[in-house]
């Protein structure tokens, strides 16, 4: 479950513009790349798996695909 800070940062995918979805994907990659190995715990991987899933769905919508099909 996301906390209020994450919910505020993450726009509704149905309302997000194409550019916003792309910017969010790039930001996510930078955050993952900037994480030191000693901070890559099981919780880190669980969190980023969920973020990656949501971001991939957003990008699929941008590309005109239904990720739930």
PDB file of N, CA and C in Angstrom:
ATOM      1  N   UNK A   1       0.839  -1.177   0.000  1.00  0.00           N
ATOM      2  CA  UNK A   1       0.000   0.000   0.000  1.00  0.00           C
ATOM      3  C   UNK A   1       0.887   1.244   0.000  1.00  0.00           C
ATOM      4  N   UNK A   2       0.552   2.211  -0.821  1.00  0.00           N
ATOM      5  CA  UNK A   2       1.360   3.424  -0.940  1.00  0.00           C
ATOM      6  C   UNK A   2       1.039   4.379   0.206  1.00  0.00           C
ATOM      7  N   UNK A   3       2.078   5.103   0.638  1.00  0.00           N
ATOM      8  CA  UNK A   3       1.808   6.137   1.634  1.00  0.00           C
ATOM      9  C   UNK A   3       1.353   7.401   0.920  1.00  0.00           C
ATOM     10  N   UNK A   4       0.907   8.390   1.684  1.00  0.00           N
ATOM     11  CA  UNK A   4       0.325   9.599   1.076  1.00  0.00           C
ATOM     12  C   UNK A   4       1.339  10.369   0.237  1.00  0.00           C
ATOM     13  N   UNK A   5       2.609  10.340   0.612  1.00  0.00           N
ATOM     14  CA  UNK A   5       3.630  11.041  -0.175  1.00  0.00           C
ATOM     15  C   UNK A   5       3.776  10.416  -1.559  1.00  0.00           C
ATOM     16  N   UNK A   6       3.795   9.073  -1.618  1.00  0.00           N
ATOM     17  CA  UNK A   6       3.900   8.395  -2.902  1.00  0.00           C
ATOM     18  C   UNK A   6       2.660   8.636  -3.750  1.00  0.00           C
ATOM     19  N   UNK A   7       1.481   8.629  -3.118  1.00  0.00           N
ATOM     20  CA  UNK A   7       0.247   8.875  -3.850  1.00  0.00           C
ATOM     21  C   UNK A   7       0.217  10.284  -4.411  1.00  0.00           C
ATOM     22  N   UNK A   8       0.717  11.257  -3.655  1.00  0.00           N
ATOM     23  CA  UNK A   8       0.736  12.646  -4.117  1.00  0.00           C
ATOM     24  C   UNK A   8       1.708  12.810  -5.280  1.00  0.00           C
ATOM     25  N   UNK A   9       2.824  12.087  -5.246  1.00  0.00           N
ATOM     26  CA  UNK A   9       3.834  12.189  -6.287  1.00  0.00           C
ATOM     27  C   UNK A   9       3.391  11.500  -7.571  1.00  0.00           C
ATOM     28  N   UNK A  10       2.594  10.463  -7.434  1.00  0.00           N
ATOM     29  CA  UNK A  10       2.204   9.648  -8.583  1.00  0.00           C
ATOM     30  C   UNK A  10       0.830  10.064  -9.085  1.00  0.00           C
ATOM     31  N   UNK A  11       0.766  10.600 -10.309  1.00  0.00           N
ATOM     32  CA  UNK A  11      -0.539  11.001 -10.847  1.00  0.00           C
ATOM     33  C   UNK A  11      -1.395   9.796 -11.219  1.00  0.00           C
ATOM     34  N   UNK A  12      -2.688  10.018 -11.306  1.00  0.00           N
ATOM     35  CA  UNK A  12      -3.610   8.987 -11.774  1.00  0.00           C
ATOM     36  C   UNK A  12      -3.209   8.617 -13.193  1.00  0.00           C
ATOM     37  N   UNK A  13      -2.919   7.325 -13.470  1.00  0.00           N
ATOM     38  CA  UNK A  13      -2.461   6.947 -14.812  1.00  0.00           C
ATOM     39  C   UNK A  13      -3.455   7.299 -15.908  1.00  0.00           C
ATOM     40  N   UNK A  14      -4.741   7.309 -15.598  1.00  0.00           N
ATOM     41  CA  UNK A  14      -5.738   7.643 -16.607  1.00  0.00           C
ATOM     42  C   UNK A  14      -5.693   9.126 -16.974  1.00  0.00           C
ATOM     43  N   UNK A  15      -5.178   9.957 -16.069  1.00  0.00           N
ATOM     44  CA  UNK A  15      -5.147  11.400 -16.301  1.00  0.00           C
ATOM     45  C   UNK A  15      -3.762  11.896 -16.720  1.00  0.00           C
ATOM     46  N   UNK A  16      -2.752  11.058 -16.548  1.00  0.00           N
ATOM     47  CA  UNK A  16      -1.379  11.485 -16.819  1.00  0.00           C
ATOM     48  C   UNK A  16      -1.157  11.653 -18.319  1.00  0.00           C
ATOM     49  N   UNK A  17      -0.441  12.690 -18.671  1.00  0.00           N
ATOM     50  CA  UNK A  17      -0.087  12.895 -20.069  1.00  0.00           C
ATOM     51  C   UNK A  17       1.024  11.917 -20.467  1.00  0.00           C
ATOM     52  N   UNK A  18       1.202  11.761 -21.748  1.00  0.00           N
ATOM     53  CA  UNK A  18       2.266  10.894 -22.242  1.00  0.00           C
ATOM     54  C   UNK A  18       3.618  11.329 -21.692  1.00  0.00           C
ATOM     55  N   UNK A  19       3.866  12.622 -21.736  1.00  0.00           N
ATOM     56  CA  UNK A  19       5.160  13.128 -21.274  1.00  0.00           C
ATOM     57  C   UNK A  19       5.348  12.897 -19.783  1.00  0.00           C
ATOM     58  N   UNK A  20       4.287  13.039 -19.009  1.00  0.00           N
ATOM     59  CA  UNK A  20       4.380  12.812 -17.567  1.00  0.00           C
ATOM     60  C   UNK A  20       4.716  11.351 -17.280  1.00  0.00           C
ATOM     61  N   UNK A  21       4.118  10.427 -18.021  1.00  0.00           N
ATOM     62  CA  UNK A  21       4.401   8.999 -17.823  1.00  0.00           C
ATOM     63  C   UNK A  21       5.860   8.700 -18.161  1.00  0.00           C
ATOM     64  N   UNK A  22       6.364   9.305 -19.210  1.00  0.00           N
ATOM     65  CA  UNK A  22       7.763   9.102 -19.599  1.00  0.00           C
ATOM     66  C   UNK A  22       8.704   9.710 -18.562  1.00  0.00           C
ATOM     67  N   UNK A  23       8.394  10.921 -18.099  1.00  0.00           N
ATOM     68  CA  UNK A  23       9.220  11.557 -17.056  1.00  0.00           C
ATOM     69  C   UNK A  23       9.254  10.707 -15.794  1.00  0.00           C
ATOM     70  N   UNK A  24       8.107  10.154 -15.421  1.00  0.00           N
ATOM     71  CA  UNK A  24       8.044   9.313 -14.223  1.00  0.00           C
ATOM     72  C   UNK A  24       8.899   8.058 -14.387  1.00  0.00           C
ATOM     73  N   UNK A  25       8.862   7.452 -15.566  1.00  0.00           N
ATOM     74  CA  UNK A  25       9.684   6.265 -15.821  1.00  0.00           C
ATOM     75  C   UNK A  25      11.171   6.603 -15.719  1.00  0.00           C
ATOM     76  N   UNK A  26      11.553   7.728 -16.284  1.00  0.00           N
ATOM     77  CA  UNK A  26      12.957   8.146 -16.209  1.00  0.00           C
ATOM     78  C   UNK A  26      13.382   8.436 -14.772  1.00  0.00           C
ATOM     79  N   UNK A  27      12.518   9.099 -14.013  1.00  0.00           N
ATOM     80  CA  UNK A  27      12.815   9.391 -12.611  1.00  0.00           C
ATOM     81  C   UNK A  27      12.981   8.097 -11.817  1.00  0.00           C
ATOM     82  N   UNK A  28      12.102   7.139 -12.076  1.00  0.00           N
ATOM     83  CA  UNK A  28      12.180   5.856 -11.394  1.00  0.00           C
ATOM     84  C   UNK A  28      13.518   5.180 -11.671  1.00  0.00           C
ATOM     85  N   UNK A  29      13.938   5.170 -12.942  1.00  0.00           N
ATOM     86  CA  UNK A  29      15.223   4.560 -13.282  1.00  0.00           C
ATOM     87  C   UNK A  29      16.384   5.260 -12.597  1.00  0.00           C
ATOM     88  N   UNK A  30      16.343   6.591 -12.514  1.00  0.00           N
ATOM     89  CA  UNK A  30      17.407   7.330 -11.823  1.00  0.00           C
ATOM     90  C   UNK A  30      17.439   6.975 -10.336  1.00  0.00           C
ATOM     91  N   UNK A  31      16.268   6.869  -9.714  1.00  0.00           N
ATOM     92  CA  UNK A  31      16.216   6.521  -8.290  1.00  0.00           C
ATOM     93  C   UNK A  31      16.785   5.126  -8.048  1.00  0.00           C
ATOM     94  N   UNK A  32      16.440   4.177  -8.914  1.00  0.00           N
ATOM     95  CA  UNK A  32      16.969   2.817  -8.766  1.00  0.00           C
ATOM     96  C   UNK A  32      18.484   2.824  -8.970  1.00  0.00           C
ATOM     97  N   UNK A  33      18.943   3.503 -10.020  1.00  0.00           N
ATOM     98  CA  UNK A  33      20.380   3.560 -10.311  1.00  0.00           C
ATOM     99  C   UNK A  33      21.175   4.223  -9.192  1.00  0.00           C
ATOM    100  N   UNK A  34      20.569   5.169  -8.486  1.00  0.00           N
ATOM    101  CA  UNK A  34      21.272   5.906  -7.436  1.00  0.00           C
ATOM    102  C   UNK A  34      21.236   5.207  -6.078  1.00  0.00           C
ATOM    103  N   UNK A  35      20.638   4.032  -5.996  1.00  0.00           N
ATOM    104  CA  UNK A  35      20.545   3.310  -4.726  1.00  0.00           C
ATOM    105  C   UNK A  35      21.807   2.492  -4.505  1.00  0.00           C
ATOM    106  N   UNK A  36      22.481   2.711  -3.384  1.00  0.00           N
ATOM    107  CA  UNK A  36      23.680   1.924  -3.084  1.00  0.00           C
ATOM    108  C   UNK A  36      23.316   0.451  -2.844  1.00  0.00           C
ATOM    109  N   UNK A  37      24.192  -0.463  -3.223  1.00  0.00           N
ATOM    110  CA  UNK A  37      23.899  -1.891  -3.056  1.00  0.00           C
ATOM    111  C   UNK A  37      23.498  -2.289  -1.634  1.00  0.00           C
ATOM    112  N   UNK A  38      24.083  -1.661  -0.614  1.00  0.00           N
ATOM    113  CA  UNK A  38      23.766  -2.032   0.765  1.00  0.00           C
ATOM    114  C   UNK A  38      22.326  -1.677   1.149  1.00  0.00           C
ATOM    115  N   UNK A  39      21.653  -0.829   0.352  1.00  0.00           N
ATOM    116  CA  UNK A  39      20.258  -0.476   0.614  1.00  0.00           C
ATOM    117  C   UNK A  39      19.273  -1.318  -0.199  1.00  0.00           C
ATOM    118  N   UNK A  40      19.786  -2.252  -0.983  1.00  0.00           N
ATOM    119  CA  UNK A  40      18.928  -3.082  -1.828  1.00  0.00           C
ATOM    120  C   UNK A  40      18.461  -4.308  -1.037  1.00  0.00           C
ATOM    121  N   UNK A  41      17.496  -4.065  -0.186  1.00  0.00           N
ATOM    122  CA  UNK A  41      16.925  -5.102   0.665  1.00  0.00           C
ATOM    123  C   UNK A  41      15.726  -5.746  -0.027  1.00  0.00           C
ATOM    124  N   UNK A  42      15.146  -6.731   0.627  1.00  0.00           N
ATOM    125  CA  UNK A  42      13.932  -7.361   0.092  1.00  0.00           C
ATOM    126  C   UNK A  42      12.814  -6.329  -0.059  1.00  0.00           C
ATOM    127  N   UNK A  43      12.707  -5.405   0.879  1.00  0.00           N
ATOM    128  CA  UNK A  43      11.690  -4.352   0.800  1.00  0.00           C
ATOM    129  C   UNK A  43      11.946  -3.441  -0.403  1.00  0.00           C
ATOM    130  N   UNK A  44      13.212  -3.133  -0.663  1.00  0.00           N
ATOM    131  CA  UNK A  44      13.589  -2.341  -1.835  1.00  0.00           C
ATOM    132  C   UNK A  44      13.078  -3.014  -3.102  1.00  0.00           C
ATOM    133  N   UNK A  45      13.354  -4.311  -3.237  1.00  0.00           N
ATOM    134  CA  UNK A  45      12.929  -5.020  -4.441  1.00  0.00           C
ATOM    135  C   UNK A  45      11.414  -5.123  -4.539  1.00  0.00           C
ATOM    136  N   UNK A  46      10.726  -5.322  -3.447  1.00  0.00           N
ATOM    137  CA  UNK A  46       9.266  -5.380  -3.468  1.00  0.00           C
ATOM    138  C   UNK A  46       8.695  -4.038  -3.922  1.00  0.00           C
ATOM    139  N   UNK A  47       9.195  -2.953  -3.341  1.00  0.00           N
ATOM    140  CA  UNK A  47       8.725  -1.614  -3.689  1.00  0.00           C
ATOM    141  C   UNK A  47       8.952  -1.322  -5.170  1.00  0.00           C
ATOM    142  N   UNK A  48      10.172  -1.554  -5.639  1.00  0.00           N
ATOM    143  CA  UNK A  48      10.483  -1.207  -7.018  1.00  0.00           C
ATOM    144  C   UNK A  48       9.826  -2.144  -8.021  1.00  0.00           C
ATOM    145  N   UNK A  49       9.534  -3.379  -7.646  1.00  0.00           N
ATOM    146  CA  UNK A  49       8.762  -4.256  -8.525  1.00  0.00           C
ATOM    147  C   UNK A  49       7.374  -3.656  -8.753  1.00  0.00           C
ATOM    148  N   UNK A  50       6.737  -3.210  -7.670  1.00  0.00           N
ATOM    149  CA  UNK A  50       5.407  -2.614  -7.787  1.00  0.00           C
ATOM    150  C   UNK A  50       5.454  -1.321  -8.603  1.00  0.00           C
ATOM    151  N   UNK A  51       6.462  -0.482  -8.375  1.00  0.00           N
ATOM    152  CA  UNK A  51       6.613   0.752  -9.140  1.00  0.00           C
ATOM    153  C   UNK A  51       6.834   0.444 -10.616  1.00  0.00           C
ATOM    154  N   UNK A  52       7.683  -0.544 -10.893  1.00  0.00           N
ATOM    155  CA  UNK A  52       7.967  -0.931 -12.277  1.00  0.00           C
ATOM    156  C   UNK A  52       6.701  -1.432 -12.970  1.00  0.00           C
ATOM    157  N   UNK A  53       5.902  -2.210 -12.268  1.00  0.00           N
ATOM    158  CA  UNK A  53       4.654  -2.706 -12.830  1.00  0.00           C
ATOM    159  C   UNK A  53       3.718  -1.552 -13.191  1.00  0.00           C
ATOM    160  N   UNK A  54       3.547  -0.595 -12.279  1.00  0.00           N
ATOM    161  CA  UNK A  54       2.662   0.545 -12.539  1.00  0.00           C
ATOM    162  C   UNK A  54       3.184   1.403 -13.682  1.00  0.00           C
ATOM    163  N   UNK A  55       4.483   1.647 -13.697  1.00  0.00           N
ATOM    164  CA  UNK A  55       5.076   2.487 -14.734  1.00  0.00           C
ATOM    165  C   UNK A  55       5.004   1.813 -16.097  1.00  0.00           C
ATOM    166  N   UNK A  56       5.227   0.516 -16.138  1.00  0.00           N
ATOM    167  CA  UNK A  56       5.131  -0.217 -17.403  1.00  0.00           C
ATOM    168  C   UNK A  56       3.708  -0.145 -17.949  1.00  0.00           C
ATOM    169  N   UNK A  57       2.713  -0.265 -17.081  1.00  0.00           N
ATOM    170  CA  UNK A  57       1.315  -0.146 -17.512  1.00  0.00           C
ATOM    171  C   UNK A  57       1.050   1.254 -18.074  1.00  0.00           C
ATOM    172  N   UNK A  58       1.582   2.279 -17.408  1.00  0.00           N
ATOM    173  CA  UNK A  58       1.416   3.648 -17.907  1.00  0.00           C
ATOM    174  C   UNK A  58       2.035   3.788 -19.295  1.00  0.00           C
ATOM    175  N   UNK A  59       3.240   3.256 -19.475  1.00  0.00           N
ATOM    176  CA  UNK A  59       3.914   3.368 -20.766  1.00  0.00           C
ATOM    177  C   UNK A  59       3.181   2.575 -21.849  1.00  0.00           C
ATOM    178  N   UNK A  60       2.625   1.432 -21.491  1.00  0.00           N
ATOM    179  CA  UNK A  60       1.828   0.675 -22.466  1.00  0.00           C
ATOM    180  C   UNK A  60       0.610   1.479 -22.897  1.00  0.00           C
ATOM    181  N   UNK A  61      -0.043   2.175 -21.961  1.00  0.00           N
ATOM    182  CA  UNK A  61      -1.175   3.030 -22.330  1.00  0.00           C
ATOM    183  C   UNK A  61      -0.725   4.139 -23.279  1.00  0.00           C
ATOM    184  N   UNK A  62       0.443   4.731 -22.995  1.00  0.00           N
ATOM    185  CA  UNK A  62       0.990   5.776 -23.865  1.00  0.00           C
ATOM    186  C   UNK A  62       1.171   5.234 -25.286  1.00  0.00           C
ATOM    187  N   UNK A  63       1.580   3.992 -25.385  1.00  0.00           N
ATOM    188  CA  UNK A  63       1.824   3.377 -26.689  1.00  0.00           C
ATOM    189  C   UNK A  63       0.538   2.841 -27.330  1.00  0.00           C
ATOM    190  N   UNK A  64      -0.590   3.031 -26.659  1.00  0.00           N
ATOM    191  CA  UNK A  64      -1.863   2.647 -27.248  1.00  0.00           C
ATOM    192  C   UNK A  64      -2.301   1.223 -26.978  1.00  0.00           C
ATOM    193  N   UNK A  65      -1.703   0.601 -25.971  1.00  0.00           N
ATOM    194  CA  UNK A  65      -2.045  -0.779 -25.628  1.00  0.00           C
ATOM    195  C   UNK A  65      -2.839  -0.811 -24.330  1.00  0.00           C
ATOM    196  N   UNK A  66      -3.680  -1.826 -24.192  1.00  0.00           N
ATOM    197  CA  UNK A  66      -4.411  -2.032 -22.942  1.00  0.00           C
ATOM    198  C   UNK A  66      -3.626  -3.049 -22.125  1.00  0.00           C
ATOM    199  N   UNK A  67      -2.991  -2.626 -21.031  1.00  0.00           N
ATOM    200  CA  UNK A  67      -2.164  -3.559 -20.250  1.00  0.00           C
ATOM    201  C   UNK A  67      -2.982  -4.646 -19.553  1.00  0.00           C
ATOM    202  N   UNK A  68      -4.292  -4.477 -19.479  1.00  0.00           N
ATOM    203  CA  UNK A  68      -5.140  -5.462 -18.815  1.00  0.00           C
ATOM    204  C   UNK A  68      -5.789  -6.436 -19.795  1.00  0.00           C
ATOM    205  N   UNK A  69      -5.443  -6.306 -21.082  1.00  0.00           N
ATOM    206  CA  UNK A  69      -6.056  -7.187 -22.098  1.00  0.00           C
ATOM    207  C   UNK A  69      -5.516  -8.585 -22.031  1.00  0.00           C
TER     208      UNK A  69
END
